[in-house]
Every structure is written in structure tokens, then in C-alpha cells.
Amino acid sequence: ILLRMEYSEKRKQDNAVYRAKLLEYIFSIYGDACECCGEYERKFLTLDHTNGRPPEHGIKSGFVLYAWLRKQGTKDPNLRILCFNCNLGRERNGGLCPHG
């Protein structure tokens, strides 16, 4: 049982390192601040589909989408960095951020 716990902790650590590197990659490609309001706290930032989700992205989101993008090896012109407030604000405001 102890080995299983040690393995589980190791796996959690490995996943955290993988996700951190994946986020670094995404921010290096797409920028590290919200394109609308300028928020730069990375915990608040996400990718936004500027013209809706294209079919090739399917239902991918979060780290699954980030990993898929890294595998593609090119910047997707349909994506940009927004904070969660601006992203959700756009969704609830007919595609326009309430910031104006």
C-alpha cells in the first residue's frame, strides 16, 4: 500500500510539472495577458476562440486543448488569451466584452 501511495504522489507531481510546462508553452505562443483588459495573473487567464470553436477543435478544452495545440506545432489564429471574466462576459454579451 505504501508503494501505491508513493506512486500516486509521484504521479501527481509529474502531472503538475507537465501542466506547468504546457501552460508555459501556451503563454509563450499566445501571450501572457488578457487581450481585452490586460489582466496578467496567469491563474485568471484562458484561451478564447475568437470566432467560435472550429470543428477540428471538437469538444477539447483546458489542458486537453492545450496539449492538442502543442502537438499541432503552430499558432492557431482563431485563439487568443483572455481572462475568465472577459471570456465569460463575451459569451453573455453577444460576443462583445462588457469592458467595451
N, C-alpha and C. Protein backbone atom coordinates (compact mmCIF):
# COMPACT_ATOMS: atom_id res chain seq x y z
N ILE A 1 0.82 -1.19 0.00
CA ILE A 1 0.00 0.00 0.00
C ILE A 1 0.87 1.25 0.00
N LEU A 2 1.96 1.22 0.72
CA LEU A 2 2.85 2.37 0.77
C LEU A 2 3.41 2.68 -0.62
N LEU A 3 3.78 1.64 -1.36
CA LEU A 3 4.29 1.87 -2.71
C LEU A 3 3.23 2.51 -3.60
N ARG A 4 1.99 2.10 -3.46
CA ARG A 4 0.90 2.66 -4.25
C ARG A 4 0.74 4.14 -3.92
N MET A 5 0.84 4.51 -2.64
CA MET A 5 0.72 5.90 -2.23
C MET A 5 1.88 6.72 -2.77
N GLU A 6 3.09 6.15 -2.70
CA GLU A 6 4.26 6.85 -3.22
C GLU A 6 4.12 7.06 -4.73
N TYR A 7 3.63 6.04 -5.43
CA TYR A 7 3.42 6.15 -6.87
C TYR A 7 2.39 7.23 -7.16
N SER A 8 1.32 7.26 -6.39
CA SER A 8 0.26 8.24 -6.60
C SER A 8 0.79 9.65 -6.39
N GLU A 9 1.59 9.86 -5.36
CA GLU A 9 2.17 11.17 -5.11
C GLU A 9 3.14 11.55 -6.23
N LYS A 10 3.93 10.61 -6.68
CA LYS A 10 4.86 10.86 -7.78
C LYS A 10 4.09 11.24 -9.04
N ARG A 11 3.00 10.54 -9.28
CA ARG A 11 2.20 10.84 -10.47
C ARG A 11 1.59 12.24 -10.38
N LYS A 12 1.11 12.63 -9.21
CA LYS A 12 0.58 13.98 -9.01
C LYS A 12 1.65 15.03 -9.29
N GLN A 13 2.86 14.77 -8.79
CA GLN A 13 3.96 15.71 -9.02
C GLN A 13 4.31 15.79 -10.50
N ASP A 14 4.37 14.63 -11.15
CA ASP A 14 4.68 14.61 -12.58
C ASP A 14 3.61 15.35 -13.38
N ASN A 15 2.34 15.16 -13.02
CA ASN A 15 1.25 15.85 -13.71
C ASN A 15 1.34 17.36 -13.51
N ALA A 16 1.69 17.78 -12.30
CA ALA A 16 1.83 19.21 -12.02
C ALA A 16 2.95 19.81 -12.86
N VAL A 17 4.05 19.11 -12.99
CA VAL A 17 5.18 19.59 -13.80
C VAL A 17 4.77 19.65 -15.27
N TYR A 18 4.09 18.62 -15.75
CA TYR A 18 3.62 18.57 -17.14
C TYR A 18 2.69 19.75 -17.43
N ARG A 19 1.73 19.98 -16.55
CA ARG A 19 0.77 21.07 -16.76
C ARG A 19 1.46 22.44 -16.72
N ALA A 20 2.42 22.60 -15.82
CA ALA A 20 3.15 23.87 -15.74
C ALA A 20 3.92 24.13 -17.04
N LYS A 21 4.57 23.10 -17.56
CA LYS A 21 5.31 23.25 -18.82
C LYS A 21 4.36 23.52 -19.99
N LEU A 22 3.22 22.88 -19.97
CA LEU A 22 2.23 23.07 -21.02
C LEU A 22 1.70 24.51 -20.99
N LEU A 23 1.42 25.02 -19.81
CA LEU A 23 0.98 26.41 -19.68
C LEU A 23 2.06 27.38 -20.14
N GLU A 24 3.31 27.11 -19.78
CA GLU A 24 4.42 27.96 -20.24
C GLU A 24 4.45 28.02 -21.76
N TYR A 25 4.27 26.87 -22.39
CA TYR A 25 4.26 26.82 -23.85
C TYR A 25 3.12 27.67 -24.40
N ILE A 26 1.91 27.49 -23.88
CA ILE A 26 0.74 28.23 -24.37
C ILE A 26 0.95 29.73 -24.21
N PHE A 27 1.43 30.16 -23.04
CA PHE A 27 1.66 31.59 -22.82
C PHE A 27 2.78 32.12 -23.70
N SER A 28 3.78 31.30 -24.00
CA SER A 28 4.86 31.77 -24.87
C SER A 28 4.37 31.98 -26.30
N ILE A 29 3.38 31.23 -26.71
CA ILE A 29 2.84 31.34 -28.07
C ILE A 29 1.77 32.42 -28.17
N TYR A 30 0.84 32.44 -27.20
CA TYR A 30 -0.34 33.29 -27.30
C TYR A 30 -0.27 34.58 -26.48
N GLY A 31 0.77 34.73 -25.67
CA GLY A 31 0.90 35.92 -24.84
C GLY A 31 0.55 35.62 -23.39
N ASP A 32 0.88 36.56 -22.52
CA ASP A 32 0.69 36.28 -21.10
C ASP A 32 -0.16 37.32 -20.40
N ALA A 33 -1.09 37.94 -21.17
CA ALA A 33 -2.02 38.89 -20.58
C ALA A 33 -3.31 38.88 -21.38
N CYS A 34 -4.41 39.21 -20.73
CA CYS A 34 -5.71 39.29 -21.39
C CYS A 34 -5.66 40.36 -22.47
N GLU A 35 -6.06 40.01 -23.67
CA GLU A 35 -6.04 40.97 -24.78
C GLU A 35 -7.09 42.06 -24.63
N CYS A 36 -8.04 41.87 -23.73
CA CYS A 36 -9.11 42.86 -23.55
C CYS A 36 -8.78 43.82 -22.41
N CYS A 37 -8.57 43.29 -21.21
CA CYS A 37 -8.41 44.16 -20.05
C CYS A 37 -6.98 44.26 -19.53
N GLY A 38 -6.08 43.40 -20.05
CA GLY A 38 -4.69 43.46 -19.64
C GLY A 38 -4.34 42.65 -18.40
N GLU A 39 -5.31 41.91 -17.84
CA GLU A 39 -5.04 41.07 -16.67
C GLU A 39 -3.86 40.16 -16.97
N TYR A 40 -2.93 40.04 -16.04
CA TYR A 40 -1.75 39.22 -16.28
C TYR A 40 -1.55 38.10 -15.25
N GLU A 41 -2.41 38.02 -14.25
CA GLU A 41 -2.33 36.91 -13.29
C GLU A 41 -2.72 35.63 -14.03
N ARG A 42 -1.75 34.76 -14.21
CA ARG A 42 -1.96 33.57 -15.05
C ARG A 42 -3.08 32.66 -14.56
N LYS A 43 -3.35 32.68 -13.29
CA LYS A 43 -4.43 31.83 -12.77
C LYS A 43 -5.79 32.28 -13.28
N PHE A 44 -5.88 33.50 -13.79
CA PHE A 44 -7.14 34.02 -14.31
C PHE A 44 -7.25 33.93 -15.83
N LEU A 45 -6.20 33.46 -16.50
CA LEU A 45 -6.16 33.51 -17.97
C LEU A 45 -6.54 32.18 -18.60
N THR A 46 -7.11 32.28 -19.79
CA THR A 46 -7.52 31.11 -20.55
C THR A 46 -7.47 31.44 -22.04
N LEU A 47 -7.60 30.42 -22.86
CA LEU A 47 -7.67 30.65 -24.31
C LEU A 47 -9.11 30.91 -24.71
N ASP A 48 -9.29 31.82 -25.63
CA ASP A 48 -10.61 32.19 -26.15
C ASP A 48 -10.64 31.93 -27.65
N HIS A 49 -11.72 31.32 -28.12
CA HIS A 49 -11.93 31.16 -29.56
C HIS A 49 -12.57 32.45 -30.07
N THR A 50 -11.85 33.19 -30.89
CA THR A 50 -12.32 34.50 -31.34
C THR A 50 -13.54 34.40 -32.25
N ASN A 51 -13.64 33.33 -33.02
CA ASN A 51 -14.76 33.18 -33.96
C ASN A 51 -15.53 31.89 -33.72
N GLY A 52 -15.67 31.50 -32.48
CA GLY A 52 -16.35 30.24 -32.17
C GLY A 52 -15.39 29.06 -32.30
N ARG A 53 -15.80 27.95 -31.75
CA ARG A 53 -14.97 26.75 -31.76
C ARG A 53 -15.06 26.05 -33.12
N PRO A 54 -13.93 25.93 -33.82
CA PRO A 54 -13.95 25.25 -35.12
C PRO A 54 -14.12 23.74 -34.94
N PRO A 55 -14.63 23.07 -35.97
CA PRO A 55 -14.87 21.63 -35.87
C PRO A 55 -13.62 20.81 -35.50
N GLU A 56 -12.45 21.24 -35.97
CA GLU A 56 -11.23 20.46 -35.68
C GLU A 56 -10.86 20.50 -34.20
N HIS A 57 -11.36 21.48 -33.45
CA HIS A 57 -11.11 21.51 -32.01
C HIS A 57 -12.07 20.58 -31.26
N GLY A 58 -13.15 20.18 -31.93
CA GLY A 58 -14.10 19.28 -31.30
C GLY A 58 -14.56 19.83 -29.96
N ILE A 59 -14.60 18.95 -28.98
CA ILE A 59 -15.03 19.37 -27.64
C ILE A 59 -13.85 19.57 -26.71
N LYS A 60 -12.65 19.65 -27.29
CA LYS A 60 -11.45 19.82 -26.47
C LYS A 60 -11.49 21.15 -25.74
N SER A 61 -11.07 21.14 -24.48
CA SER A 61 -10.95 22.37 -23.71
C SER A 61 -9.87 22.17 -22.66
N GLY A 62 -9.48 23.26 -22.02
CA GLY A 62 -8.49 23.18 -20.95
C GLY A 62 -7.20 22.54 -21.40
N PHE A 63 -6.64 21.69 -20.54
CA PHE A 63 -5.34 21.10 -20.82
C PHE A 63 -5.37 20.12 -21.99
N VAL A 64 -6.53 19.53 -22.27
CA VAL A 64 -6.64 18.65 -23.45
C VAL A 64 -6.45 19.49 -24.72
N LEU A 65 -7.08 20.65 -24.76
CA LEU A 65 -6.89 21.55 -25.90
C LEU A 65 -5.46 22.05 -25.97
N TYR A 66 -4.88 22.42 -24.83
CA TYR A 66 -3.51 22.93 -24.81
C TYR A 66 -2.53 21.88 -25.34
N ALA A 67 -2.69 20.64 -24.92
CA ALA A 67 -1.82 19.56 -25.40
C ALA A 67 -2.01 19.34 -26.89
N TRP A 68 -3.24 19.39 -27.35
CA TRP A 68 -3.52 19.21 -28.78
C TRP A 68 -2.87 20.33 -29.58
N LEU A 69 -2.95 21.57 -29.07
CA LEU A 69 -2.33 22.70 -29.77
C LEU A 69 -0.82 22.54 -29.84
N ARG A 70 -0.21 22.09 -28.75
CA ARG A 70 1.24 21.89 -28.77
C ARG A 70 1.62 20.83 -29.79
N LYS A 71 0.82 19.79 -29.88
CA LYS A 71 1.09 18.73 -30.85
C LYS A 71 0.97 19.25 -32.29
N GLN A 72 0.05 20.21 -32.53
CA GLN A 72 -0.10 20.78 -33.87
C GLN A 72 1.14 21.58 -34.28
N GLY A 73 1.79 22.21 -33.29
CA GLY A 73 3.06 22.89 -33.55
C GLY A 73 2.96 24.26 -34.19
N THR A 74 1.76 24.78 -34.38
CA THR A 74 1.62 26.12 -34.95
C THR A 74 0.60 26.91 -34.13
N LYS A 75 0.68 28.22 -34.23
CA LYS A 75 -0.27 29.08 -33.53
C LYS A 75 -1.59 29.09 -34.29
N ASP A 76 -2.67 28.88 -33.57
CA ASP A 76 -4.00 28.91 -34.17
C ASP A 76 -4.48 30.36 -34.19
N PRO A 77 -4.73 30.94 -35.37
CA PRO A 77 -5.13 32.34 -35.44
C PRO A 77 -6.52 32.60 -34.86
N ASN A 78 -7.27 31.54 -34.58
CA ASN A 78 -8.62 31.65 -34.02
C ASN A 78 -8.60 31.71 -32.49
N LEU A 79 -7.40 31.73 -31.89
CA LEU A 79 -7.29 31.72 -30.43
C LEU A 79 -6.54 32.93 -29.92
N ARG A 80 -6.89 33.34 -28.71
CA ARG A 80 -6.19 34.43 -28.05
C ARG A 80 -6.34 34.23 -26.54
N ILE A 81 -5.52 34.94 -25.79
CA ILE A 81 -5.60 34.89 -24.33
C ILE A 81 -6.60 35.93 -23.84
N LEU A 82 -7.55 35.48 -23.03
CA LEU A 82 -8.45 36.37 -22.32
C LEU A 82 -8.51 35.90 -20.86
N CYS A 83 -8.87 36.81 -19.97
CA CYS A 83 -9.13 36.38 -18.60
C CYS A 83 -10.52 35.74 -18.59
N PHE A 84 -10.80 34.99 -17.54
CA PHE A 84 -12.09 34.32 -17.47
C PHE A 84 -13.24 35.32 -17.46
N ASN A 85 -13.07 36.49 -16.83
CA ASN A 85 -14.14 37.49 -16.80
C ASN A 85 -14.47 37.99 -18.20
N CYS A 86 -13.45 38.34 -18.96
CA CYS A 86 -13.70 38.82 -20.32
C CYS A 86 -14.26 37.71 -21.20
N ASN A 87 -13.75 36.50 -21.04
CA ASN A 87 -14.22 35.38 -21.82
C ASN A 87 -15.71 35.12 -21.56
N LEU A 88 -16.09 35.03 -20.31
CA LEU A 88 -17.48 34.78 -19.97
C LEU A 88 -18.34 36.01 -20.31
N GLY A 89 -17.78 37.19 -20.10
CA GLY A 89 -18.51 38.41 -20.46
C GLY A 89 -18.87 38.44 -21.93
N ARG A 90 -17.95 38.03 -22.78
CA ARG A 90 -18.23 37.95 -24.22
C ARG A 90 -19.37 36.99 -24.50
N GLU A 91 -19.31 35.83 -23.83
CA GLU A 91 -20.34 34.81 -24.04
C GLU A 91 -21.72 35.33 -23.66
N ARG A 92 -21.78 36.06 -22.58
CA ARG A 92 -23.08 36.54 -22.06
C ARG A 92 -23.51 37.87 -22.65
N ASN A 93 -22.66 38.47 -23.47
CA ASN A 93 -22.95 39.78 -24.03
C ASN A 93 -22.92 39.77 -25.56
N GLY A 94 -23.35 38.69 -26.14
CA GLY A 94 -23.45 38.61 -27.60
C GLY A 94 -22.13 38.71 -28.33
N GLY A 95 -21.05 38.22 -27.73
CA GLY A 95 -19.75 38.21 -28.39
C GLY A 95 -18.89 39.42 -28.11
N LEU A 96 -19.42 40.39 -27.37
CA LEU A 96 -18.66 41.60 -27.03
C LEU A 96 -18.35 41.62 -25.55
N CYS A 97 -17.13 41.93 -25.22
CA CYS A 97 -16.75 42.04 -23.81
C CYS A 97 -17.42 43.27 -23.20
N PRO A 98 -17.99 43.14 -22.01
CA PRO A 98 -18.62 44.29 -21.36
C PRO A 98 -17.65 45.45 -21.10
N HIS A 99 -16.32 45.19 -21.12
CA HIS A 99 -15.36 46.27 -20.94
C HIS A 99 -15.43 47.29 -22.08
N GLY A 100 -15.99 46.86 -23.18
CA GLY A 100 -16.13 47.81 -24.31
C GLY A 100 -15.13 47.56 -25.32
